[in-house]
C-alpha atoms as a PDB file:
ATOM      1  CA  MET A   1      20.295   8.223  -8.977  1.00  0.00           C
ATOM      2  CA  ASN A   2      20.221   7.141 -12.618  1.00  0.00           C
ATOM      3  CA  LEU A   3      17.078   6.458 -14.647  1.00  0.00           C
ATOM      4  CA  GLN A   4      17.583   2.685 -14.542  1.00  0.00           C
ATOM      5  CA  ARG A   5      17.709   2.708 -10.741  1.00  0.00           C
ATOM      6  CA  LEU A   6      14.543   4.797 -10.670  1.00  0.00           C
ATOM      7  CA  LYS A   7      12.703   2.368 -12.955  1.00  0.00           C
ATOM      8  CA  GLU A   8      13.848  -0.608 -10.902  1.00  0.00           C
ATOM      9  CA  SER A   9      12.628   0.973  -7.677  1.00  0.00           C
ATOM     10  CA  ALA A  10       9.265   1.751  -9.288  1.00  0.00           C
ATOM     11  CA  ARG A  11       8.863  -1.795 -10.608  1.00  0.00           C
ATOM     12  CA  ASN A  12       9.697  -3.315  -7.240  1.00  0.00           C
ATOM     13  CA  GLY A  13       7.384  -1.079  -5.237  1.00  0.00           C
ATOM     14  CA  LEU A  14       4.439  -0.974  -7.591  1.00  0.00           C
ATOM     15  CA  TRP A  15       4.474  -4.604  -8.709  1.00  0.00           C
ATOM     16  CA  ARG A  16       7.280  -7.108  -8.065  1.00  0.00           C
ATOM     17  CA  GLN A  17       7.545  -6.604  -4.303  1.00  0.00           C
ATOM     18  CA  ASN A  18       4.145  -5.011  -3.818  1.00  0.00           C
ATOM     19  CA  PRO A  19       3.486  -4.894  -0.044  1.00  0.00           C
ATOM     20  CA  GLY A  20      -0.175  -5.863  -0.313  1.00  0.00           C
ATOM     21  CA  LEU A  21      -0.029  -8.541  -3.019  1.00  0.00           C
ATOM     22  CA  ALA A  22       3.504  -9.984  -3.007  1.00  0.00           C
ATOM     23  CA  GLN A  23       4.755  -9.500   0.547  1.00  0.00           C
ATOM     24  CA  ILE A  24       1.270  -9.691   2.154  1.00  0.00           C
ATOM     25  CA  LEU A  25       2.223  -7.160   4.837  1.00  0.00           C
ATOM     26  CA  GLY A  26       0.032  -4.714   6.706  1.00  0.00           C
ATOM     27  CA  LEU A  27      -3.104  -6.826   6.502  1.00  0.00           C
ATOM     28  CA  CYS A  28      -4.715  -5.103   9.499  1.00  0.00           C
ATOM     29  CA  PRO A  29      -5.192  -1.704   7.794  1.00  0.00           C
ATOM     30  CA  ILE A  30      -5.666  -3.283   4.362  1.00  0.00           C
ATOM     31  CA  LEU A  31      -8.627  -5.351   5.501  1.00  0.00           C
ATOM     32  CA  ALA A  32     -10.112  -3.122   8.194  1.00  0.00           C
ATOM     33  CA  ILE A  33     -10.166   0.291   6.548  1.00  0.00           C
ATOM     34  CA  SER A  34     -10.891  -0.701   2.934  1.00  0.00           C
ATOM     35  CA  THR A  35     -14.684  -0.519   3.251  1.00  0.00           C
ATOM     36  CA  SER A  36     -14.594   2.566   1.020  1.00  0.00           C
ATOM     37  CA  MET A  37     -12.167   3.936  -1.527  1.00  0.00           C
ATOM     38  CA  VAL A  38     -11.726   7.291   0.233  1.00  0.00           C
ATOM     39  CA  ASN A  39     -10.869   5.709   3.587  1.00  0.00           C
ATOM     40  CA  ALA A  40      -8.477   3.222   1.990  1.00  0.00           C
ATOM     41  CA  VAL A  41      -6.612   5.769  -0.128  1.00  0.00           C
ATOM     42  CA  SER A  42      -6.399   8.250   2.759  1.00  0.00           C
ATOM     43  CA  LEU A  43      -4.724   5.692   5.009  1.00  0.00           C
ATOM     44  CA  GLY A  44      -2.514   4.632   2.098  1.00  0.00           C
ATOM     45  CA  ILE A  45      -1.314   8.209   1.569  1.00  0.00           C
ATOM     46  CA  ALA A  46      -0.564   8.517   5.279  1.00  0.00           C
ATOM     47  CA  THR A  47       1.482   5.309   4.989  1.00  0.00           C
ATOM     48  CA  VAL A  48       3.368   6.700   1.965  1.00  0.00           C
ATOM     49  CA  LEU A  49       4.365   9.772   3.970  1.00  0.00           C
ATOM     50  CA  ALA A  50       5.395   7.657   6.949  1.00  0.00           C
ATOM     51  CA  MET A  51       7.491   5.312   4.790  1.00  0.00           C
ATOM     52  CA  ALA A  52       9.183   8.066   2.820  1.00  0.00           C
ATOM     53  CA  LEU A  53      10.046  10.146   5.885  1.00  0.00           C
ATOM     54  CA  SER A  54      11.140   7.191   8.015  1.00  0.00           C
ATOM     55  CA  ASN A  55      13.349   5.828   5.227  1.00  0.00           C
ATOM     56  CA  LEU A  56      14.862   9.277   4.776  1.00  0.00           C
ATOM     57  CA  ALA A  57      15.564   9.593   8.513  1.00  0.00           C
ATOM     58  CA  VAL A  58      16.944   6.067   8.906  1.00  0.00           C
ATOM     59  CA  ALA A  59      19.199   6.386   5.860  1.00  0.00           C
ATOM     60  CA  GLY A  60      20.477   9.734   7.076  1.00  0.00           C
ATOM     61  CA  LEU A  61      21.217   8.483  10.601  1.00  0.00           C
ATOM     62  CA  ARG A  62      22.298   4.896   9.871  1.00  0.00           C
ATOM     63  CA  ARG A  63      26.005   5.575  10.405  1.00  0.00           C
ATOM     64  CA  TRP A  64      25.351   6.751  13.962  1.00  0.00           C
ATOM     65  CA  ILE A  65      22.913   3.980  14.954  1.00  0.00           C
ATOM     66  CA  ALA A  66      24.546   1.002  16.657  1.00  0.00           C
ATOM     67  CA  TYR A  67      23.599  -2.309  15.070  1.00  0.00           C
ATOM     68  CA  GLU A  68      22.501  -3.834  18.381  1.00  0.00           C
ATOM     69  CA  ILE A  69      19.856  -1.174  19.050  1.00  0.00           C
ATOM     70  CA  ARG A  70      18.790  -0.426  15.483  1.00  0.00           C
ATOM     71  CA  ILE A  71      15.261  -1.877  15.733  1.00  0.00           C
ATOM     72  CA  PRO A  72      14.216   0.148  18.830  1.00  0.00           C
ATOM     73  CA  VAL A  73      15.699   3.266  17.250  1.00  0.00           C
ATOM     74  CA  PHE A  74      13.865   2.624  13.970  1.00  0.00           C
ATOM     75  CA  ILE A  75      10.583   2.184  15.841  1.00  0.00           C
ATOM     76  CA  LEU A  76      11.222   5.399  17.782  1.00  0.00           C
ATOM     77  CA  ILE A  77      11.830   7.321  14.561  1.00  0.00           C
ATOM     78  CA  ILE A  78       8.709   5.861  12.935  1.00  0.00           C
ATOM     79  CA  ALA A  79       6.601   6.548  16.038  1.00  0.00           C
ATOM     80  CA  ALA A  80       7.695  10.193  16.136  1.00  0.00           C
ATOM     81  CA  LEU A  81       6.844  10.725  12.459  1.00  0.00           C
ATOM     82  CA  VAL A  82       3.499   8.922  12.742  1.00  0.00           C
ATOM     83  CA  THR A  83       2.612  11.089  15.749  1.00  0.00           C
ATOM     84  CA  VAL A  84       3.172  14.177  13.595  1.00  0.00           C
ATOM     85  CA  LEU A  85       0.930  12.690  10.874  1.00  0.00           C
ATOM     86  CA  ASP A  86      -1.718  11.796  13.437  1.00  0.00           C
ATOM     87  CA  LEU A  87      -1.784  15.352  14.789  1.00  0.00           C
ATOM     88  CA  ALA A  88      -1.879  16.780  11.256  1.00  0.00           C
ATOM     89  CA  PHE A  89      -4.880  14.632  10.315  1.00  0.00           C
ATOM     90  CA  ASN A  90      -6.605  15.672  13.522  1.00  0.00           C
ATOM     91  CA  ALA A  91      -5.961  19.364  12.844  1.00  0.00           C
ATOM     92  CA  PHE A  92      -6.682  19.604   9.118  1.00  0.00           C
ATOM     93  CA  LEU A  93      -8.909  16.592   8.286  1.00  0.00           C
ATOM     94  CA  HIS A  94     -10.743  16.073  11.544  1.00  0.00           C
ATOM     95  CA  SER A  95     -13.788  14.259  10.094  1.00  0.00           C
ATOM     96  CA  LEU A  96     -11.550  11.826   8.247  1.00  0.00           C
ATOM     97  CA  TYR A  97      -9.381  11.480  11.338  1.00  0.00           C
ATOM     98  CA  LEU A  98     -12.416  10.320  13.338  1.00  0.00           C
ATOM     99  CA  VAL A  99     -13.193   7.671  10.700  1.00  0.00           C
ATOM    100  CA  LEU A 100      -9.643   6.324  10.409  1.00  0.00           C
ATOM    101  CA  GLY A 101      -9.325   6.327  14.193  1.00  0.00           C
ATOM    102  CA  ILE A 102      -6.671   4.044  15.659  1.00  0.00           C
ATOM    103  CA  PHE A 103      -5.344   2.976  12.267  1.00  0.00           C
ATOM    104  CA  ILE A 104      -3.226   6.112  11.832  1.00  0.00           C
ATOM    105  CA  PRO A 105      -1.220   5.508  15.065  1.00  0.00           C
ATOM    106  CA  LEU A 106      -1.010   1.826  14.146  1.00  0.00           C
ATOM    107  CA  ILE A 107       1.164   2.750  11.159  1.00  0.00           C
ATOM    108  CA  THR A 108       3.957   2.740  13.753  1.00  0.00           C
ATOM    109  CA  THR A 109       3.679  -1.038  14.085  1.00  0.00           C
ATOM    110  CA  ASN A 110       2.953  -1.668  10.419  1.00  0.00           C
ATOM    111  CA  CYS A 111       5.353  -4.356   9.193  1.00  0.00           C
ATOM    112  CA  ILE A 112       5.705  -2.596   5.839  1.00  0.00           C
ATOM    113  CA  VAL A 113       7.251   0.540   7.332  1.00  0.00           C
ATOM    114  CA  LEU A 114       9.649  -1.216   9.688  1.00  0.00           C
ATOM    115  CA  ALA A 115      10.592  -3.838   7.085  1.00  0.00           C
ATOM    116  CA  ARG A 116      11.698  -1.242   4.532  1.00  0.00           C
ATOM    117  CA  ALA A 117      13.631   0.694   7.159  1.00  0.00           C
ATOM    118  CA  GLU A 118      15.508  -2.471   8.158  1.00  0.00           C
ATOM    119  CA  ALA A 119      15.886  -4.122   4.744  1.00  0.00           C
ATOM    120  CA  TYR A 120      16.586  -1.078   2.583  1.00  0.00           C
ATOM    121  CA  ALA A 121      16.983   2.301   4.286  1.00  0.00           C
ATOM    122  CA  ALA A 122      19.595   1.026   6.754  1.00  0.00           C
ATOM    123  CA  LYS A 123      21.817  -0.041   3.838  1.00  0.00           C
ATOM    124  CA  ASN A 124      21.322   2.589   1.127  1.00  0.00           C
ATOM    125  CA  SER A 125      21.638   6.307   0.455  1.00  0.00           C
ATOM    126  CA  VAL A 126      19.114   8.931   1.542  1.00  0.00           C
ATOM    127  CA  LEU A 127      17.797   9.546  -1.989  1.00  0.00           C
ATOM    128  CA  ASP A 128      17.456   5.864  -2.860  1.00  0.00           C
ATOM    129  CA  SER A 129      15.822   5.087   0.474  1.00  0.00           C
ATOM    130  CA  THR A 130      13.323   7.934   0.214  1.00  0.00           C
ATOM    131  CA  LEU A 131      12.353   6.868  -3.295  1.00  0.00           C
ATOM    132  CA  ASP A 132      12.008   3.263  -2.127  1.00  0.00           C
ATOM    133  CA  GLY A 133       9.645   4.368   0.638  1.00  0.00           C
ATOM    134  CA  ILE A 134       7.540   6.383  -1.810  1.00  0.00           C
ATOM    135  CA  MET A 135       7.286   3.562  -4.356  1.00  0.00           C
ATOM    136  CA  MET A 136       6.514   0.892  -1.779  1.00  0.00           C
ATOM    137  CA  GLY A 137       3.883   3.177  -0.295  1.00  0.00           C
ATOM    138  CA  LEU A 138       2.344   3.870  -3.696  1.00  0.00           C
ATOM    139  CA  GLY A 139       2.237   0.134  -4.348  1.00  0.00           C
ATOM    140  CA  LEU A 140       0.132  -0.201  -1.214  1.00  0.00           C
ATOM    141  CA  VAL A 141      -2.030   2.791  -2.203  1.00  0.00           C
ATOM    142  CA  TRP A 142      -3.167   1.333  -5.522  1.00  0.00           C
ATOM    143  CA  VAL A 143      -3.990  -1.999  -3.896  1.00  0.00           C
ATOM    144  CA  LEU A 144      -5.974  -0.216  -1.182  1.00  0.00           C
ATOM    145  CA  ALA A 145      -7.717   1.954  -3.800  1.00  0.00           C
ATOM    146  CA  LEU A 146      -8.749  -1.062  -5.881  1.00  0.00           C
ATOM    147  CA  LEU A 147      -9.788  -3.093  -2.843  1.00  0.00           C
ATOM    148  CA  GLY A 148     -11.750  -0.189  -1.368  1.00  0.00           C
ATOM    149  CA  ALA A 149     -13.419   0.616  -4.686  1.00  0.00           C
ATOM    150  CA  LEU A 150     -14.503  -2.997  -5.245  1.00  0.00           C
ATOM    151  CA  ARG A 151     -15.879  -3.400  -1.729  1.00  0.00           C
ATOM    152  CA  GLU A 152     -17.659  -0.053  -1.782  1.00  0.00           C
ATOM    153  CA  LEU A 153     -19.135  -0.591  -5.252  1.00  0.00           C
ATOM    154  CA  ILE A 154     -20.341  -4.148  -4.644  1.00  0.00           C
ATOM    155  CA  GLY A 155     -21.324  -3.518  -1.038  1.00  0.00           C
ATOM    156  CA  GLY A 156     -23.189  -0.247  -1.455  1.00  0.00           C
ATOM    157  CA  GLY A 157     -23.273   0.638  -5.139  1.00  0.00           C
ATOM    158  CA  THR A 158     -21.322   3.874  -4.673  1.00  0.00           C
ATOM    159  CA  LEU A 159     -17.829   5.249  -5.234  1.00  0.00           C
ATOM    160  CA  PHE A 160     -15.998   7.993  -3.315  1.00  0.00           C
ATOM    161  CA  SER A 161     -18.263   7.740  -0.302  1.00  0.00           C
ATOM    162  CA  GLY A 162     -16.984  10.200   2.299  1.00  0.00           C
ATOM    163  CA  ILE A 163     -15.212  12.427  -0.229  1.00  0.00           C
ATOM    164  CA  ASP A 164     -16.892  15.417   1.439  1.00  0.00           C
ATOM    165  CA  MET A 165     -14.649  14.827   4.475  1.00  0.00           C
ATOM    166  CA  ILE A 166     -11.713  15.904   2.308  1.00  0.00           C
ATOM    167  CA  PHE A 167     -13.387  18.168  -0.237  1.00  0.00           C
ATOM    168  CA  PRO A 168     -16.536  19.729   1.253  1.00  0.00           C
ATOM    169  CA  GLY A 169     -19.328  20.101  -1.266  1.00  0.00           C
ATOM    170  CA  LEU A 170     -18.499  16.993  -3.295  1.00  0.00           C
ATOM    171  CA  ALA A 171     -20.856  14.021  -3.206  1.00  0.00           C
ATOM    172  CA  PRO A 172     -20.229  10.317  -3.801  1.00  0.00           C
ATOM    173  CA  LEU A 173     -21.105   8.704  -7.120  1.00  0.00           C
ATOM    174  CA  ASN A 174     -24.190   6.484  -6.958  1.00  0.00           C
ATOM    175  CA  VAL A 175     -22.943   4.126  -9.658  1.00  0.00           C
ATOM    176  CA  LEU A 176     -25.479   1.310  -9.376  1.00  0.00           C
ATOM    177  CA  GLY A 177     -28.515   3.490  -8.713  1.00  0.00           C
ATOM    178  CA  GLY A 178     -30.592   4.267  -5.675  1.00  0.00           C
ATOM    179  CA  ASP A 179     -32.532   0.992  -5.807  1.00  0.00           C
ATOM    180  CA  TYR A 180     -29.411  -1.171  -5.462  1.00  0.00           C
ATOM    181  CA  PRO A 181     -29.988  -3.310  -2.335  1.00  0.00           C
ATOM    182  CA  GLY A 182     -26.296  -3.629  -1.486  1.00  0.00           C
ATOM    183  CA  PHE A 183     -24.279  -6.674  -0.538  1.00  0.00           C
ATOM    184  CA  LEU A 184     -23.459  -6.455   3.162  1.00  0.00           C
ATOM    185  CA  LEU A 185     -21.119  -9.453   3.261  1.00  0.00           C
ATOM    186  CA  ILE A 186     -18.517  -7.732   1.113  1.00  0.00           C
ATOM    187  CA  LEU A 187     -18.304  -4.875   3.638  1.00  0.00           C
ATOM    188  CA  LEU A 188     -17.744  -7.254   6.559  1.00  0.00           C
ATOM    189  CA  PRO A 189     -14.353  -8.854   7.450  1.00  0.00           C
ATOM    190  CA  PRO A 190     -15.053 -12.073   5.453  1.00  0.00           C
ATOM    191  CA  GLY A 191     -15.687  -9.933   2.377  1.00  0.00           C
ATOM    192  CA  ALA A 192     -12.348  -8.181   2.889  1.00  0.00           C
ATOM    193  CA  PHE A 193     -10.485 -11.510   2.957  1.00  0.00           C
ATOM    194  CA  PHE A 194     -12.422 -12.795  -0.045  1.00  0.00           C
ATOM    195  CA  THR A 195     -11.803  -9.675  -2.163  1.00  0.00           C
ATOM    196  CA  LEU A 196      -8.109  -9.500  -1.271  1.00  0.00           C
ATOM    197  CA  GLY A 197      -7.800 -13.203  -2.100  1.00  0.00           C
ATOM    198  CA  ILE A 198      -9.206 -12.543  -5.579  1.00  0.00           C
ATOM    199  CA  LEU A 199      -6.717  -9.703  -6.113  1.00  0.00           C
ATOM    200  CA  ILE A 200      -3.798 -11.879  -5.006  1.00  0.00           C
ATOM    201  CA  ALA A 201      -4.976 -14.708  -7.278  1.00  0.00           C
ATOM    202  CA  GLY A 202      -5.153 -12.292 -10.210  1.00  0.00           C
ATOM    203  CA  TYR A 203      -1.693 -10.939  -9.364  1.00  0.00           C
ATOM    204  CA  ASN A 204      -0.226 -14.449  -9.278  1.00  0.00           C
ATOM    205  CA  ALA A 205      -1.968 -15.396 -12.532  1.00  0.00           C
ATOM    206  CA  ILE A 206      -0.539 -12.350 -14.327  1.00  0.00           C
ATOM    207  CA  ASN A 207       2.960 -13.140 -13.048  1.00  0.00           C
ATOM    208  CA  ALA A 208       2.641 -16.784 -14.065  1.00  0.00           C
ATOM    209  CA  ARG A 209       1.522 -15.820 -17.561  1.00  0.00           C
ATOM    210  CA  ARG A 210       4.401 -13.363 -17.911  1.00  0.00           C
ATOM    211  CA  ALA A 211       6.886 -16.001 -16.753  1.00  0.00           C
ATOM    212  CA  ALA A 212       5.488 -18.500 -19.252  1.00  0.00           C
ATOM    213  CA  ARG A 213       5.797 -15.987 -22.088  1.00  0.00           C
ATOM    214  CA  GLN A 214       9.380 -15.150 -21.147  1.00  0.00           C
ATOM    215  CA  ALA A 215      10.268 -18.834 -20.946  1.00  0.00           C
ATOM    216  CA  ALA A 216       8.726 -19.460 -24.353  1.00  0.00           C
ATOM    217  CA  ALA A 217      10.567 -16.492 -25.859  1.00  0.00           C
ATOM    218  CA  THR A 218      13.976 -17.531 -24.494  1.00  0.00           C
ATOM    219  CA  SER A 219      13.718 -21.283 -25.086  1.00  0.00           C
ATOM    220  CA  PRO A 220      15.451 -22.558 -28.239  1.00  0.00           C
ATOM    221  CA  PRO A 221      13.157 -23.727 -31.071  1.00  0.00           C
ATOM    222  CA  ALA A 222      12.534 -27.452 -31.275  1.00  0.00           C
ATOM    223  CA  SER A 223      14.719 -29.110 -33.905  1.00  0.00           C
ATOM    224  CA  ALA A 224      12.919 -30.512 -36.898  1.00  0.00           C
ATOM    225  CA  SER A 225      12.713 -34.297 -36.995  1.00  0.00           C
ATOM    226  CA  ALA A 226      14.815 -36.052 -39.569  1.00  0.00           C
ATOM    227  CA  PRO A 227      12.933 -37.445 -42.607  1.00  0.00           C
END
């Protein structure tokens, strides 16, 4: 893989085709688990691993998978890998596993994972497909991190709540002070939709501004009027 291909894959995953902001896929985990930054990022990292490994497996086996049964086979591969992740979380991060609950197994049915296996991994090399899975997953991670941080900060005034489930001994940051009353609505499902809507609006505004600048830079200068 050349450097240009690497940059293109990074741009697509992190911004242009971002799963959470551009493709609007995987809304169930995005909205349900993003009540705190730690929960959101943890599920995002699990999704990165699932996407990278499933893309690697699909790309490596694509020549031996009949076209007619490709979707069931892809789901079987994803389900097997997600089961391994689920057991690993249960064994090594049990407290976090109890918080994330059903959302780790639900990665199997996440449209993001299956969509990349079908649209990209089934048509490209193992290296390219693995990198695509990593970049698409990281694009979801930063959206989840920002969404979780905003909801946690506005809703409870803290950041990194639950970090002790991963690193025992660490405590969350009480950013807005102990007397902050909190804003419960932002932690409820309507708050998740509202916050994600703001992020999508900001994403679209940035893209529109970039497009306008590019159009202005490439358009020919207006001819001067004759005297």
